[in-house]
Amino acid sequence: MWIQNKNKKQSNQMKLENFLNKKVTITQIKSGLKFNDRQKGSLIGLGLRGIGSSSELTVTQAVLGMIKKVSHVIKIN
């Protein structure tokens, strides 16, 4: 079972590498008012201030990490 998980992890990394250094537009679709400080920090780091605000970012490892933390609150175009 460990080998299967390792293979899945490698395939996920290969998928993420396809998006590196590309521009994406991120839009906030839910309020971040009741989230913990780490999630609020990720929203601020992505340049989102409230519902309906958008930000265009170049995808890096750091940006991918922030997107994963708040994926339930944002929409990616």
PDB file of N, CA and C in Angstrom:
ATOM      1  N   MET A   1       0.821  -1.189   0.000  1.00  0.00           N
ATOM      2  CA  MET A   1       0.000   0.000   0.000  1.00  0.00           C
ATOM      3  C   MET A   1       0.863   1.250   0.000  1.00  0.00           C
ATOM      4  N   TRP A   2       2.005   1.221   0.644  1.00  0.00           N
ATOM      5  CA  TRP A   2       2.880   2.387   0.680  1.00  0.00           C
ATOM      6  C   TRP A   2       3.364   2.744  -0.714  1.00  0.00           C
ATOM      7  N   ILE A   3       3.651   1.732  -1.521  1.00  0.00           N
ATOM      8  CA  ILE A   3       4.143   1.970  -2.877  1.00  0.00           C
ATOM      9  C   ILE A   3       3.062   2.646  -3.714  1.00  0.00           C
ATOM     10  N   GLN A   4       1.804   2.249  -3.551  1.00  0.00           N
ATOM     11  CA  GLN A   4       0.724   2.876  -4.297  1.00  0.00           C
ATOM     12  C   GLN A   4       0.595   4.344  -3.933  1.00  0.00           C
ATOM     13  N   ASN A   5       0.674   4.663  -2.642  1.00  0.00           N
ATOM     14  CA  ASN A   5       0.589   6.058  -2.217  1.00  0.00           C
ATOM     15  C   ASN A   5       1.744   6.869  -2.779  1.00  0.00           C
ATOM     16  N   LYS A   6       2.925   6.275  -2.810  1.00  0.00           N
ATOM     17  CA  LYS A   6       4.082   6.975  -3.352  1.00  0.00           C
ATOM     18  C   LYS A   6       3.872   7.286  -4.831  1.00  0.00           C
ATOM     19  N   ASN A   7       3.340   6.328  -5.583  1.00  0.00           N
ATOM     20  CA  ASN A   7       3.083   6.555  -7.000  1.00  0.00           C
ATOM     21  C   ASN A   7       2.030   7.623  -7.211  1.00  0.00           C
ATOM     22  N   LYS A   8       0.985   7.629  -6.389  1.00  0.00           N
ATOM     23  CA  LYS A   8      -0.042   8.663  -6.497  1.00  0.00           C
ATOM     24  C   LYS A   8       0.551  10.037  -6.232  1.00  0.00           C
ATOM     25  N   LYS A   9       1.423  10.119  -5.233  1.00  0.00           N
ATOM     26  CA  LYS A   9       2.042  11.391  -4.896  1.00  0.00           C
ATOM     27  C   LYS A   9       2.887  11.899  -6.057  1.00  0.00           C
ATOM     28  N   GLN A  10       3.631  11.018  -6.685  1.00  0.00           N
ATOM     29  CA  GLN A  10       4.457  11.425  -7.818  1.00  0.00           C
ATOM     30  C   GLN A  10       3.594  11.883  -8.980  1.00  0.00           C
ATOM     31  N   SER A  11       2.478  11.218  -9.239  1.00  0.00           N
ATOM     32  CA  SER A  11       1.622  11.628 -10.347  1.00  0.00           C
ATOM     33  C   SER A  11       0.971  12.974 -10.058  1.00  0.00           C
ATOM     34  N   ASN A  12       0.604  13.243  -8.784  1.00  0.00           N
ATOM     35  CA  ASN A  12       0.050  14.546  -8.424  1.00  0.00           C
ATOM     36  C   ASN A  12       1.075  15.644  -8.619  1.00  0.00           C
ATOM     37  N   GLN A  13       2.338  15.388  -8.266  1.00  0.00           N
ATOM     38  CA  GLN A  13       3.373  16.386  -8.443  1.00  0.00           C
ATOM     39  C   GLN A  13       3.583  16.685  -9.916  1.00  0.00           C
ATOM     40  N   MET A  14       3.481  15.692 -10.760  1.00  0.00           N
ATOM     41  CA  MET A  14       3.657  15.922 -12.182  1.00  0.00           C
ATOM     42  C   MET A  14       2.524  16.789 -12.723  1.00  0.00           C
ATOM     43  N   LYS A  15       1.316  16.607 -12.227  1.00  0.00           N
ATOM     44  CA  LYS A  15       0.194  17.427 -12.656  1.00  0.00           C
ATOM     45  C   LYS A  15       0.386  18.875 -12.227  1.00  0.00           C
ATOM     46  N   LEU A  16       0.856  19.079 -11.006  1.00  0.00           N
ATOM     47  CA  LEU A  16       1.055  20.431 -10.506  1.00  0.00           C
ATOM     48  C   LEU A  16       2.175  21.148 -11.241  1.00  0.00           C
ATOM     49  N   GLU A  17       3.181  20.402 -11.660  1.00  0.00           N
ATOM     50  CA  GLU A  17       4.289  21.026 -12.382  1.00  0.00           C
ATOM     51  C   GLU A  17       3.832  21.614 -13.709  1.00  0.00           C
ATOM     52  N   ASN A  18       2.752  21.107 -14.268  1.00  0.00           N
ATOM     53  CA  ASN A  18       2.245  21.640 -15.530  1.00  0.00           C
ATOM     54  C   ASN A  18       1.735  23.068 -15.386  1.00  0.00           C
ATOM     55  N   PHE A  19       1.329  23.467 -14.176  1.00  0.00           N
ATOM     56  CA  PHE A  19       0.776  24.795 -13.962  1.00  0.00           C
ATOM     57  C   PHE A  19       1.805  25.811 -13.486  1.00  0.00           C
ATOM     58  N   LEU A  20       2.996  25.400 -13.138  1.00  0.00           N
ATOM     59  CA  LEU A  20       3.987  26.327 -12.618  1.00  0.00           C
ATOM     60  C   LEU A  20       4.342  27.372 -13.658  1.00  0.00           C
ATOM     61  N   ASN A  21       4.527  28.600 -13.196  1.00  0.00           N
ATOM     62  CA  ASN A  21       4.905  29.759 -14.005  1.00  0.00           C
ATOM     63  C   ASN A  21       3.838  30.165 -15.010  1.00  0.00           C
ATOM     64  N   LYS A  22       2.595  29.760 -14.795  1.00  0.00           N
ATOM     65  CA  LYS A  22       1.487  30.212 -15.627  1.00  0.00           C
ATOM     66  C   LYS A  22       0.637  31.174 -14.813  1.00  0.00           C
ATOM     67  N   LYS A  23      -0.094  32.041 -15.488  1.00  0.00           N
ATOM     68  CA  LYS A  23      -0.950  33.001 -14.797  1.00  0.00           C
ATOM     69  C   LYS A  23      -2.350  32.434 -14.642  1.00  0.00           C
ATOM     70  N   VAL A  24      -2.917  32.628 -13.453  1.00  0.00           N
ATOM     71  CA  VAL A  24      -4.291  32.227 -13.183  1.00  0.00           C
ATOM     72  C   VAL A  24      -5.014  33.387 -12.509  1.00  0.00           C
ATOM     73  N   THR A  25      -6.328  33.428 -12.702  1.00  0.00           N
ATOM     74  CA  THR A  25      -7.159  34.421 -12.026  1.00  0.00           C
ATOM     75  C   THR A  25      -7.938  33.702 -10.939  1.00  0.00           C
ATOM     76  N   ILE A  26      -7.839  34.228  -9.725  1.00  0.00           N
ATOM     77  CA  ILE A  26      -8.492  33.633  -8.564  1.00  0.00           C
ATOM     78  C   ILE A  26      -9.556  34.601  -8.075  1.00  0.00           C
ATOM     79  N   THR A  27     -10.772  34.101  -7.834  1.00  0.00           N
ATOM     80  CA  THR A  27     -11.878  34.919  -7.353  1.00  0.00           C
ATOM     81  C   THR A  27     -12.398  34.327  -6.053  1.00  0.00           C
ATOM     82  N   GLN A  28     -12.621  35.182  -5.068  1.00  0.00           N
ATOM     83  CA  GLN A  28     -13.166  34.736  -3.790  1.00  0.00           C
ATOM     84  C   GLN A  28     -14.682  34.663  -3.908  1.00  0.00           C
ATOM     85  N   ILE A  29     -15.268  33.496  -3.557  1.00  0.00           N
ATOM     86  CA  ILE A  29     -16.713  33.319  -3.699  1.00  0.00           C
ATOM     87  C   ILE A  29     -17.441  33.169  -2.361  1.00  0.00           C
ATOM     88  N   LYS A  30     -16.693  33.005  -1.269  1.00  0.00           N
ATOM     89  CA  LYS A  30     -17.295  32.908   0.056  1.00  0.00           C
ATOM     90  C   LYS A  30     -16.552  33.831   1.011  1.00  0.00           C
ATOM     91  N   SER A  31     -17.213  34.172   2.098  1.00  0.00           N
ATOM     92  CA  SER A  31     -16.606  35.021   3.107  1.00  0.00           C
ATOM     93  C   SER A  31     -15.561  34.248   3.908  1.00  0.00           C
ATOM     94  N   GLY A  32     -14.500  34.923   4.284  1.00  0.00           N
ATOM     95  CA  GLY A  32     -13.461  34.323   5.104  1.00  0.00           C
ATOM     96  C   GLY A  32     -13.524  34.776   6.545  1.00  0.00           C
ATOM     97  N   LEU A  33     -14.651  35.324   6.949  1.00  0.00           N
ATOM     98  CA  LEU A  33     -14.793  35.933   8.265  1.00  0.00           C
ATOM     99  C   LEU A  33     -14.565  34.964   9.423  1.00  0.00           C
ATOM    100  N   LYS A  34     -15.102  33.768   9.343  1.00  0.00           N
ATOM    101  CA  LYS A  34     -15.015  32.837  10.471  1.00  0.00           C
ATOM    102  C   LYS A  34     -13.902  31.807  10.333  1.00  0.00           C
ATOM    103  N   PHE A  35     -12.967  32.042   9.427  1.00  0.00           N
ATOM    104  CA  PHE A  35     -11.859  31.109   9.248  1.00  0.00           C
ATOM    105  C   PHE A  35     -10.776  31.370  10.272  1.00  0.00           C
ATOM    106  N   ASN A  36      -9.895  30.379  10.437  1.00  0.00           N
ATOM    107  CA  ASN A  36      -8.788  30.572  11.364  1.00  0.00           C
ATOM    108  C   ASN A  36      -7.745  31.505  10.737  1.00  0.00           C
ATOM    109  N   ASP A  37      -6.789  31.909  11.528  1.00  0.00           N
ATOM    110  CA  ASP A  37      -5.818  32.916  11.095  1.00  0.00           C
ATOM    111  C   ASP A  37      -4.968  32.450   9.914  1.00  0.00           C
ATOM    112  N   ARG A  38      -4.669  31.168   9.835  1.00  0.00           N
ATOM    113  CA  ARG A  38      -3.854  30.664   8.719  1.00  0.00           C
ATOM    114  C   ARG A  38      -4.607  30.801   7.400  1.00  0.00           C
ATOM    115  N   GLN A  39      -5.896  30.488   7.406  1.00  0.00           N
ATOM    116  CA  GLN A  39      -6.680  30.600   6.186  1.00  0.00           C
ATOM    117  C   GLN A  39      -6.894  32.060   5.805  1.00  0.00           C
ATOM    118  N   LYS A  40      -7.114  32.914   6.786  1.00  0.00           N
ATOM    119  CA  LYS A  40      -7.246  34.343   6.504  1.00  0.00           C
ATOM    120  C   LYS A  40      -5.944  34.883   5.915  1.00  0.00           C
ATOM    121  N   GLY A  41      -4.824  34.437   6.451  1.00  0.00           N
ATOM    122  CA  GLY A  41      -3.530  34.848   5.933  1.00  0.00           C
ATOM    123  C   GLY A  41      -3.317  34.399   4.500  1.00  0.00           C
ATOM    124  N   SER A  42      -3.802  33.212   4.170  1.00  0.00           N
ATOM    125  CA  SER A  42      -3.689  32.724   2.794  1.00  0.00           C
ATOM    126  C   SER A  42      -4.522  33.568   1.847  1.00  0.00           C
ATOM    127  N   LEU A  43      -5.722  33.964   2.273  1.00  0.00           N
ATOM    128  CA  LEU A  43      -6.552  34.830   1.431  1.00  0.00           C
ATOM    129  C   LEU A  43      -5.872  36.174   1.189  1.00  0.00           C
ATOM    130  N   ILE A  44      -5.291  36.741   2.234  1.00  0.00           N
ATOM    131  CA  ILE A  44      -4.585  38.015   2.098  1.00  0.00           C
ATOM    132  C   ILE A  44      -3.364  37.843   1.201  1.00  0.00           C
ATOM    133  N   GLY A  45      -2.652  36.743   1.383  1.00  0.00           N
ATOM    134  CA  GLY A  45      -1.475  36.462   0.555  1.00  0.00           C
ATOM    135  C   GLY A  45      -1.813  36.302  -0.914  1.00  0.00           C
ATOM    136  N   LEU A  46      -3.007  35.795  -1.191  1.00  0.00           N
ATOM    137  CA  LEU A  46      -3.457  35.660  -2.579  1.00  0.00           C
ATOM    138  C   LEU A  46      -3.995  36.974  -3.133  1.00  0.00           C
ATOM    139  N   GLY A  47      -4.100  37.993  -2.289  1.00  0.00           N
ATOM    140  CA  GLY A  47      -4.566  39.303  -2.734  1.00  0.00           C
ATOM    141  C   GLY A  47      -6.067  39.442  -2.766  1.00  0.00           C
ATOM    142  N   LEU A  48      -6.765  38.615  -1.991  1.00  0.00           N
ATOM    143  CA  LEU A  48      -8.228  38.651  -1.963  1.00  0.00           C
ATOM    144  C   LEU A  48      -8.692  39.373  -0.715  1.00  0.00           C
ATOM    145  N   ARG A  49      -9.606  40.329  -0.883  1.00  0.00           N
ATOM    146  CA  ARG A  49     -10.046  41.153   0.239  1.00  0.00           C
ATOM    147  C   ARG A  49     -11.462  40.863   0.691  1.00  0.00           C
ATOM    148  N   GLY A  50     -12.279  40.287  -0.174  1.00  0.00           N
ATOM    149  CA  GLY A  50     -13.660  40.003   0.189  1.00  0.00           C
ATOM    150  C   GLY A  50     -14.351  39.264  -0.936  1.00  0.00           C
ATOM    151  N   ILE A  51     -15.629  38.987  -0.718  1.00  0.00           N
ATOM    152  CA  ILE A  51     -16.392  38.249  -1.718  1.00  0.00           C
ATOM    153  C   ILE A  51     -16.407  39.032  -3.030  1.00  0.00           C
ATOM    154  N   GLY A  52     -16.102  38.351  -4.114  1.00  0.00           N
ATOM    155  CA  GLY A  52     -16.117  38.979  -5.432  1.00  0.00           C
ATOM    156  C   GLY A  52     -14.795  39.586  -5.853  1.00  0.00           C
ATOM    157  N   SER A  53     -13.837  39.682  -4.948  1.00  0.00           N
ATOM    158  CA  SER A  53     -12.544  40.256  -5.333  1.00  0.00           C
ATOM    159  C   SER A  53     -11.741  39.221  -6.114  1.00  0.00           C
ATOM    160  N   SER A  54     -10.972  39.703  -7.089  1.00  0.00           N
ATOM    161  CA  SER A  54     -10.180  38.826  -7.949  1.00  0.00           C
ATOM    162  C   SER A  54      -8.727  39.233  -7.926  1.00  0.00           C
ATOM    163  N   SER A  55      -7.880  38.288  -8.262  1.00  0.00           N
ATOM    164  CA  SER A  55      -6.449  38.538  -8.297  1.00  0.00           C
ATOM    165  C   SER A  55      -5.835  37.660  -9.378  1.00  0.00           C
ATOM    166  N   GLU A  56      -4.910  38.226 -10.155  1.00  0.00           N
ATOM    167  CA  GLU A  56      -4.210  37.447 -11.162  1.00  0.00           C
ATOM    168  C   GLU A  56      -2.798  37.199 -10.664  1.00  0.00           C
ATOM    169  N   LEU A  57      -2.427  35.918 -10.563  1.00  0.00           N
ATOM    170  CA  LEU A  57      -1.148  35.540  -9.980  1.00  0.00           C
ATOM    171  C   LEU A  57      -0.403  34.577 -10.885  1.00  0.00           C
ATOM    172  N   THR A  58       0.923  34.606 -10.793  1.00  0.00           N
ATOM    173  CA  THR A  58       1.754  33.599 -11.429  1.00  0.00           C
ATOM    174  C   THR A  58       1.878  32.427 -10.461  1.00  0.00           C
ATOM    175  N   VAL A  59       1.650  31.235 -10.945  1.00  0.00           N
ATOM    176  CA  VAL A  59       1.620  30.051 -10.084  1.00  0.00           C
ATOM    177  C   VAL A  59       3.038  29.646  -9.695  1.00  0.00           C
ATOM    178  N   THR A  60       3.270  29.581  -8.382  1.00  0.00           N
ATOM    179  CA  THR A  60       4.514  29.068  -7.813  1.00  0.00           C
ATOM    180  C   THR A  60       4.136  28.013  -6.775  1.00  0.00           C
ATOM    181  N   GLN A  61       5.118  27.391  -6.180  1.00  0.00           N
ATOM    182  CA  GLN A  61       4.844  26.400  -5.138  1.00  0.00           C
ATOM    183  C   GLN A  61       4.108  27.043  -3.963  1.00  0.00           C
ATOM    184  N   ALA A  62       4.493  28.260  -3.597  1.00  0.00           N
ATOM    185  CA  ALA A  62       3.861  28.952  -2.474  1.00  0.00           C
ATOM    186  C   ALA A  62       2.397  29.264  -2.781  1.00  0.00           C
ATOM    187  N   VAL A  63       2.135  29.727  -3.980  1.00  0.00           N
ATOM    188  CA  VAL A  63       0.764  30.048  -4.375  1.00  0.00           C
ATOM    189  C   VAL A  63      -0.084  28.777  -4.412  1.00  0.00           C
ATOM    190  N   LEU A  64       0.467  27.681  -4.918  1.00  0.00           N
ATOM    191  CA  LEU A  64      -0.268  26.413  -4.928  1.00  0.00           C
ATOM    192  C   LEU A  64      -0.634  25.974  -3.517  1.00  0.00           C
ATOM    193  N   GLY A  65       0.275  26.152  -2.574  1.00  0.00           N
ATOM    194  CA  GLY A  65      -0.011  25.804  -1.186  1.00  0.00           C
ATOM    195  C   GLY A  65      -1.142  26.626  -0.605  1.00  0.00           C
ATOM    196  N   MET A  66      -1.148  27.930  -0.909  1.00  0.00           N
ATOM    197  CA  MET A  66      -2.220  28.792  -0.407  1.00  0.00           C
ATOM    198  C   MET A  66      -3.556  28.438  -1.059  1.00  0.00           C
ATOM    199  N   ILE A  67      -3.526  28.108  -2.343  1.00  0.00           N
ATOM    200  CA  ILE A  67      -4.757  27.719  -3.040  1.00  0.00           C
ATOM    201  C   ILE A  67      -5.342  26.457  -2.417  1.00  0.00           C
ATOM    202  N   LYS A  68      -4.499  25.498  -2.059  1.00  0.00           N
ATOM    203  CA  LYS A  68      -4.978  24.267  -1.433  1.00  0.00           C
ATOM    204  C   LYS A  68      -5.635  24.552  -0.085  1.00  0.00           C
ATOM    205  N   LYS A  69      -5.082  25.495   0.678  1.00  0.00           N
ATOM    206  CA  LYS A  69      -5.615  25.801   2.008  1.00  0.00           C
ATOM    207  C   LYS A  69      -7.011  26.409   1.941  1.00  0.00           C
ATOM    208  N   VAL A  70      -7.300  27.175   0.898  1.00  0.00           N
ATOM    209  CA  VAL A  70      -8.580  27.882   0.821  1.00  0.00           C
ATOM    210  C   VAL A  70      -9.356  27.503  -0.439  1.00  0.00           C
ATOM    211  N   SER A  71      -9.164  26.289  -0.924  1.00  0.00           N
ATOM    212  CA  SER A  71      -9.796  25.880  -2.174  1.00  0.00           C
ATOM    213  C   SER A  71     -11.323  25.884  -2.093  1.00  0.00           C
ATOM    214  N   HIS A  72     -11.878  25.745  -0.904  1.00  0.00           N
ATOM    215  CA  HIS A  72     -13.335  25.731  -0.730  1.00  0.00           C
ATOM    216  C   HIS A  72     -13.944  27.134  -0.762  1.00  0.00           C
ATOM    217  N   VAL A  73     -13.114  28.166  -0.826  1.00  0.00           N
ATOM    218  CA  VAL A  73     -13.579  29.547  -0.771  1.00  0.00           C
ATOM    219  C   VAL A  73     -13.351  30.272  -2.086  1.00  0.00           C
ATOM    220  N   ILE A  74     -12.523  29.718  -2.965  1.00  0.00           N
ATOM    221  CA  ILE A  74     -12.121  30.420  -4.182  1.00  0.00           C
ATOM    222  C   ILE A  74     -12.545  29.674  -5.432  1.00  0.00           C
ATOM    223  N   LYS A  75     -12.553  30.411  -6.540  1.00  0.00           N
ATOM    224  CA  LYS A  75     -12.808  29.853  -7.862  1.00  0.00           C
ATOM    225  C   LYS A  75     -11.628  30.234  -8.739  1.00  0.00           C
ATOM    226  N   ILE A  76     -11.092  29.268  -9.456  1.00  0.00           N
ATOM    227  CA  ILE A  76      -9.919  29.515 -10.285  1.00  0.00           C
ATOM    228  C   ILE A  76     -10.344  29.515 -11.744  1.00  0.00           C
ATOM    229  N   ASN A  77      -9.956  30.590 -12.453  1.00  0.00           N
ATOM    230  CA  ASN A  77     -10.255  30.701 -13.890  1.00  0.00           C
ATOM    231  C   ASN A  77      -8.982  30.557 -14.665  1.00  0.00           C
TER     232      ASN A  77
END
